[in-house]
Amino acid sequence: LLLSEAGQEHVQTFVDRRLGPVQRYDAIRGTALLETLEVFFASEANVAAAAERLFIHVNTMYQRLDRLEKLLGDGWRTGDRALELRLAIRLQQLLAGSVRKSISPPTTQ
């Protein structure tokens, strides 16, 4: 229902409002802060584990987290803000998958 054509617009707006600053920063500077954010949450906010998964030094991870805080504001790591960001990341992934499916050529059987 959320990913129906009518729902996609609302979902995209939700995603853009939460992740837009990070997406724009990455697009302008060629960075990977959105990936850092995804991996940070996927690592249950464990900085060392996230750094290891990203193949970066833990100090680099802290620098990226500081940049994310400047883009997203205080309190983004916990509570409702963290939940909204995690949801936005997942919805973006689902939207990307539904877009790919809708433009893929039909399979023959």
Protein backbone atom coordinates (compact mmCIF):
# COMPACT_ATOMS: atom_id res chain seq x y z
CA LEU A 1 0.00 0.00 0.00
CA LEU A 2 2.77 2.44 0.90
CA LEU A 3 4.62 1.65 -2.29
CA SER A 4 1.64 1.97 -4.60
CA GLU A 5 2.00 4.82 -7.07
CA ALA A 6 -0.11 7.10 -4.88
CA GLY A 7 1.80 6.13 -1.74
CA GLN A 8 5.25 6.46 -3.29
CA GLU A 9 4.99 10.24 -3.43
CA HIS A 10 4.21 10.45 0.30
CA VAL A 11 6.93 7.96 1.14
CA GLN A 12 9.47 9.86 -0.98
CA THR A 13 8.55 13.09 0.81
CA PHE A 14 9.08 11.38 4.18
CA VAL A 15 12.46 10.04 3.03
CA ASP A 16 13.57 13.38 1.57
CA ARG A 17 12.71 15.28 4.75
CA ARG A 18 14.79 12.93 6.89
CA LEU A 19 17.68 12.02 4.60
CA GLY A 20 17.77 14.99 2.23
CA PRO A 21 20.58 16.91 3.98
CA VAL A 22 22.81 13.83 3.94
CA GLN A 23 21.95 12.95 0.34
CA ARG A 24 22.68 16.49 -0.83
CA TYR A 25 25.97 16.60 1.07
CA ASP A 26 27.04 13.29 -0.47
CA ALA A 27 26.02 14.42 -3.96
CA ILE A 28 27.95 17.69 -3.74
CA ARG A 29 31.07 16.37 -2.05
CA GLY A 30 31.23 12.80 -3.31
CA THR A 31 31.16 11.41 0.23
CA ALA A 32 29.46 8.32 1.62
CA LEU A 33 27.69 9.67 4.70
CA LEU A 34 24.41 7.98 3.84
CA GLU A 35 26.20 4.63 3.70
CA THR A 36 27.87 5.50 7.01
CA LEU A 37 24.46 6.22 8.52
CA GLU A 38 23.02 2.94 7.20
CA VAL A 39 25.94 0.88 8.52
CA PHE A 40 25.92 2.71 11.87
CA PHE A 41 22.29 1.75 12.47
CA ALA A 42 22.79 -1.76 11.05
CA SER A 43 25.61 -2.16 13.59
CA GLU A 44 23.21 -1.20 16.40
CA ALA A 45 25.02 2.12 16.89
CA ASN A 46 28.29 0.36 17.73
CA VAL A 47 30.93 2.74 16.40
CA ALA A 48 33.78 0.22 16.32
CA ALA A 49 31.65 -2.41 14.56
CA ALA A 50 30.42 0.12 12.00
CA ALA A 51 33.97 1.31 11.32
CA GLU A 52 35.08 -2.28 10.80
CA ARG A 53 32.21 -2.96 8.39
CA LEU A 54 33.11 0.18 6.44
CA PHE A 55 36.84 -0.68 6.45
CA ILE A 56 37.73 2.65 8.03
CA HIS A 57 39.58 3.67 11.20
CA VAL A 58 37.40 4.30 14.22
CA ASN A 59 38.58 7.95 14.32
CA THR A 60 37.33 8.38 10.74
CA MET A 61 34.01 6.94 11.86
CA TYR A 62 33.78 9.49 14.68
CA GLN A 63 34.54 12.29 12.20
CA ARG A 64 31.73 11.07 9.95
CA LEU A 65 29.34 10.86 12.90
CA ASP A 66 30.22 14.45 13.82
CA ARG A 67 29.45 15.54 10.25
CA LEU A 68 26.15 13.64 10.38
CA GLU A 69 25.26 15.45 13.60
CA LYS A 70 25.90 18.80 11.91
CA LEU A 71 23.63 17.78 9.04
CA LEU A 72 20.88 16.07 11.04
CA GLY A 73 20.98 18.02 14.30
CA ASP A 74 21.33 16.91 17.90
CA GLY A 75 19.62 13.75 19.04
CA TRP A 76 19.61 11.90 15.72
CA ARG A 77 21.17 8.77 17.23
CA THR A 78 18.41 7.94 19.73
CA GLY A 79 14.69 7.85 20.28
CA ASP A 80 12.14 8.91 17.70
CA ARG A 81 14.73 10.66 15.52
CA ALA A 82 16.74 7.45 15.17
CA LEU A 83 13.57 5.51 14.43
CA GLU A 84 12.55 7.99 11.72
CA LEU A 85 15.99 7.84 10.13
CA ARG A 86 16.07 4.04 10.19
CA LEU A 87 12.59 3.95 8.67
CA ALA A 88 13.57 6.48 5.99
CA ILE A 89 16.61 4.39 5.07
CA ARG A 90 14.51 1.26 4.77
CA LEU A 91 11.78 3.00 2.79
CA GLN A 92 14.39 4.42 0.41
CA GLN A 93 15.73 0.91 -0.14
CA LEU A 94 12.22 -0.39 -0.79
CA LEU A 95 11.46 2.46 -3.18
CA ALA A 96 14.65 1.81 -5.09
CA GLY A 97 13.71 -1.86 -5.34
CA SER A 98 10.18 -1.11 -6.50
CA VAL A 99 11.48 1.34 -9.10
CA ARG A 100 13.94 -1.25 -10.39
CA LYS A 101 11.18 -3.84 -10.57
CA SER A 102 8.85 -1.50 -12.43
CA ILE A 103 11.44 -0.71 -15.11
CA SER A 104 12.82 -4.22 -15.48
CA PRO A 105 11.83 -6.04 -18.65
CA PRO A 106 9.23 -8.73 -18.11
CA THR A 107 10.56 -12.23 -17.74
CA THR A 108 9.41 -14.97 -20.05
CA GLN A 109 8.53 -18.41 -18.86
